[in-house]
Amino acid sequence: MIEITWQYDPDAPARRAEPATAEEAFFSLQRGNRAFADLGRDGGHGRYVIPVAAEELGFGQVPGIAPLQTPSAALLGCADARVPLELVFSQSANDVFAVRVAGNVLDGASVGSIDFAVTNLPTLRAIAVVGHTGCGAARAAMDTYLDPASYVGLSANLPLRGIVDAVTPAVRAADMALRAHYGASVVDRPGFSDALLDASVVLNTAIAGDAVRRIFADHLHEGLGVAFGVYDLASRLVGLPNQHDEWRPGLSSPPGPDETAGFLEQVVTSVYIRRLLEI
């Protein structure tokens, strides 16, 4: 049996200790994700307790008093039902300011939501963009990229076109990188579409992370930082593929514009992508 419990201890402090720096906030997220990913690996059993203060749920000593909003992290993630951000990072009530939109794309609403957190919530220490493998929005962008004629079917669906258009540059760049490294015949490999999909997801998330960092550059300091990572649905780890591990856990600093080509090369030559390509 696997058990995840929110537990209120009346003898615990009424308020949890807040991270003082961005580094501490990212460490808390990464530690929580590792605990979530480790559940069930010991013979299918596991139990994880997430402490929660009653006041954070509005059950304080004075009835009818709403708690203040005091998250330590703002997370931009995908709307996919398989990626509940608080659960993925083992966070409690009032720990996370969650913004979720298909493809974790940046638009007026998502950027405006993050801006609210940055300018109005002084407890905020971290901003992270979190993509995930097997993303449906990225798949829609990939399908129209590989079959441009199918894009006509989106002509009257402006909201979906907006999402597809936002992700397509990452798909094109990932496709070009795969062909450049493995040759044009890579498209004939059985796992090409899966490899292209997840390489696109990683790059799209990295691009969004860099954009968030530049948008909020004037607000960033030791007490507020930006990172990104991709949630692997199979391992439940948030991290990135690399040349040594199937999926290296941890949130990372986004690559800048001058670093994107090198970053993408690392992605398409990773153990994870090579396995999908059966190379």
Foldseek 3Di string as FASTA:
>chain_A
DEEEEADEDPPDDLDDDFDQFLVVLQVLQLVQLVQLLCALPPVGHYYHYQYDHCLLVQNDPDHPDHHDQAEQEEEQEEPDPLCDPCNNRVHDRSHYNYHYYQLSFDDPVRLVSVVCCLVPHVSYQEYEYEYAAPGPLLLVLLVCVVPVVCVVVCVPVVVSVVSSVLLNVLLVLLVVLLCVVPNPCLVVQPLSSSLSSVLSSVLSRLVVQQVSCVVCVVRDDRRYDTWYFYQYSVSSATAAFFAPDLGDHGTGRRDDPVCSVVVSNRRCNGPNSCVSSVD
